[in-house]
Amino acid sequence: MTNVHKLASAIAAVILGAAFVAVTPTAHADPTGHQVTYTITTTGNLTGNIRYMNTDPPSQAAFDANSSQFLTTVPATFSADQPLVYTATLANPGQWAFVSASGGCHWPDCGSGSTPELRCEIAVDGQVVDSRSATTGVTCSTRPW
């Protein structure tokens, strides 16, 4: 009977150990990245382009060599009070979060010298980290370029 008890105890210990490992939270798990939200708004009707960083480059040299590998360019039709929103997951948004929008307006939308204003905004994990406004082109970034 002693061997049966030892075997039963060993099996119980293995099951208990496996259950403990299965339910133990990983408190120090590395995040997969930060949620970056790029928002572009305008006060009028414009046609143009938006460029934003969608992937972390491994280095500044890699970005300089082939920026289109890391940036997405989107043709855009801007309308007043209709935000255009794009998202990306970046490991280092403090280094790489970037959005640029440019546009031009067509008559009669820009009559009487009134040019619509473009506005960009970058939010990282829900916190706005940069916002800017301009008339023909605007750039938001988490670092100086």
Protein backbone atom coordinates (compact mmCIF):
# COMPACT_ATOMS: atom_id res chain seq x y z
CA MET A 1 0.00 0.00 0.00
CA THR A 2 2.94 2.34 0.57
CA ASN A 3 3.81 2.45 -3.14
CA VAL A 4 0.19 3.22 -4.03
CA HIS A 5 0.16 6.15 -1.56
CA LYS A 6 3.46 7.46 -2.91
CA LEU A 7 2.19 7.23 -6.48
CA ALA A 8 -1.10 8.93 -5.58
CA SER A 9 0.78 11.69 -3.73
CA ALA A 10 3.12 12.23 -6.68
CA ILE A 11 0.21 12.45 -9.13
CA ALA A 12 -1.63 14.88 -6.86
CA ALA A 13 1.50 17.04 -6.56
CA VAL A 14 1.92 17.14 -10.35
CA ILE A 15 -1.74 18.07 -10.88
CA LEU A 16 -1.60 20.73 -8.17
CA GLY A 17 1.63 22.15 -9.60
CA ALA A 18 0.18 22.28 -13.12
CA ALA A 19 -2.96 23.99 -11.84
CA PHE A 20 -0.85 26.55 -9.96
CA VAL A 21 1.19 27.36 -13.08
CA ALA A 22 -1.97 27.63 -15.20
CA VAL A 23 -3.64 30.20 -12.94
CA THR A 24 -0.59 32.24 -11.90
CA PRO A 25 -0.76 35.64 -13.62
CA THR A 26 2.29 36.91 -15.44
CA ALA A 27 2.77 40.18 -13.62
CA HIS A 28 5.84 41.20 -15.59
CA ALA A 29 4.67 40.39 -19.11
CA ASP A 30 6.05 42.80 -21.70
CA PRO A 31 3.40 44.78 -23.57
CA THR A 32 3.21 44.19 -27.31
CA GLY A 33 3.27 47.92 -27.92
CA HIS A 34 1.43 51.17 -27.44
CA GLN A 35 -1.83 52.07 -29.16
CA VAL A 36 -1.21 55.22 -31.21
CA THR A 37 -4.21 57.11 -32.60
CA TYR A 38 -3.73 59.72 -35.31
CA THR A 39 -6.66 62.10 -35.85
CA ILE A 40 -7.00 64.70 -38.60
CA THR A 41 -9.79 67.28 -38.65
CA THR A 42 -10.49 70.33 -40.79
CA THR A 43 -12.77 73.34 -40.74
CA GLY A 44 -13.70 73.00 -44.41
CA ASN A 45 -13.55 70.85 -47.52
CA LEU A 46 -10.07 69.89 -48.74
CA THR A 47 -8.45 67.25 -50.91
CA GLY A 48 -4.99 66.01 -49.99
CA ASN A 49 -2.88 63.35 -48.34
CA ILE A 50 -2.18 61.95 -44.90
CA ARG A 51 1.08 60.22 -43.93
CA TYR A 52 1.55 58.42 -40.64
CA MET A 53 4.05 56.08 -39.01
CA ASN A 54 2.59 52.58 -38.92
CA THR A 55 5.64 50.56 -37.85
CA ASP A 56 8.70 51.26 -35.69
CA PRO A 57 11.84 51.43 -37.82
CA PRO A 58 14.75 49.52 -36.27
CA SER A 59 16.88 52.68 -36.49
CA GLN A 60 16.99 56.20 -37.87
CA ALA A 61 19.31 54.96 -40.63
CA ALA A 62 16.75 52.32 -41.68
CA PHE A 63 14.03 54.97 -41.76
CA ASP A 64 16.21 57.35 -43.77
CA ALA A 65 17.05 54.59 -46.26
CA ASN A 66 13.43 53.60 -46.94
CA SER A 67 10.83 55.67 -45.08
CA SER A 68 7.96 54.34 -47.20
CA GLN A 69 8.47 50.95 -45.55
CA PHE A 70 7.37 52.45 -42.21
CA LEU A 71 4.96 55.21 -43.29
CA THR A 72 1.49 54.82 -44.73
CA THR A 73 0.31 57.43 -47.24
CA VAL A 74 -3.43 57.81 -47.74
CA PRO A 75 -5.18 60.08 -50.26
CA ALA A 76 -7.88 61.93 -48.35
CA THR A 77 -10.97 64.01 -48.88
CA PHE A 78 -11.36 66.19 -45.80
CA SER A 79 -14.76 67.50 -44.70
CA ALA A 80 -15.57 69.85 -41.86
CA ASP A 81 -16.38 68.12 -38.57
CA GLN A 82 -15.64 64.63 -39.96
CA PRO A 83 -12.42 63.41 -38.32
CA LEU A 84 -10.19 60.96 -40.14
CA VAL A 85 -8.72 58.50 -37.63
CA TYR A 86 -5.89 56.01 -38.13
CA THR A 87 -4.31 53.70 -35.57
CA ALA A 88 -1.00 51.90 -35.23
CA THR A 89 0.78 49.90 -32.58
CA LEU A 90 4.28 51.21 -31.92
CA ALA A 91 6.84 49.86 -29.47
CA ASN A 92 8.47 53.29 -29.09
CA PRO A 93 5.92 56.02 -29.86
CA GLY A 94 8.03 58.64 -28.09
CA GLN A 95 10.56 58.19 -30.88
CA TRP A 96 8.38 57.33 -33.88
CA ALA A 97 4.78 58.62 -33.61
CA PHE A 98 4.27 60.95 -36.57
CA VAL A 99 1.37 62.17 -38.71
CA SER A 100 1.31 64.75 -41.48
CA ALA A 101 -1.65 66.08 -43.46
CA SER A 102 -1.72 68.44 -46.39
CA GLY A 103 -4.54 69.63 -48.55
CA GLY A 104 -5.82 72.15 -50.98
CA CYS A 105 -9.29 73.44 -51.51
CA HIS A 106 -11.20 74.09 -54.68
CA TRP A 107 -13.54 76.89 -55.59
CA PRO A 108 -16.17 77.58 -54.28
CA ASP A 109 -15.01 76.08 -50.94
CA CYS A 110 -12.20 78.61 -50.58
CA GLY A 111 -13.83 81.75 -51.87
CA SER A 112 -13.24 85.15 -50.30
CA GLY A 113 -9.74 84.24 -49.12
CA SER A 114 -10.93 81.83 -46.44
CA THR A 115 -8.72 78.75 -46.30
CA PRO A 116 -9.88 75.85 -44.13
CA GLU A 117 -7.63 74.92 -41.23
CA LEU A 118 -6.16 71.44 -40.80
CA ARG A 119 -5.61 70.01 -37.33
CA CYS A 120 -3.65 66.90 -36.35
CA GLU A 121 -3.54 65.07 -33.05
CA ILE A 122 -1.54 62.13 -31.71
CA ALA A 123 -2.77 60.13 -28.73
CA VAL A 124 -0.70 57.35 -27.15
CA ASP A 125 -2.64 54.85 -25.07
CA GLY A 126 -5.52 57.34 -24.92
CA GLN A 127 -3.43 60.36 -23.83
CA VAL A 128 -3.04 63.25 -26.28
CA VAL A 129 0.69 63.93 -26.67
CA ASP A 130 0.70 66.45 -29.54
CA SER A 131 -1.76 68.58 -31.50
CA ARG A 132 -1.20 71.32 -34.04
CA SER A 133 -3.13 73.45 -36.55
CA ALA A 134 -2.20 75.05 -39.88
CA THR A 135 -3.82 76.01 -43.17
CA THR A 136 -2.18 74.04 -46.00
CA GLY A 137 -0.12 71.41 -44.19
CA VAL A 138 0.25 70.27 -40.61
CA THR A 139 2.58 67.84 -38.83
CA CYS A 140 2.28 66.29 -35.39
CA SER A 141 5.15 64.33 -33.89
CA THR A 142 6.45 63.16 -30.55
CA ARG A 143 9.94 64.42 -31.40
CA PRO A 144 11.51 67.10 -33.59
CA TRP A 145 12.29 65.94 -37.11
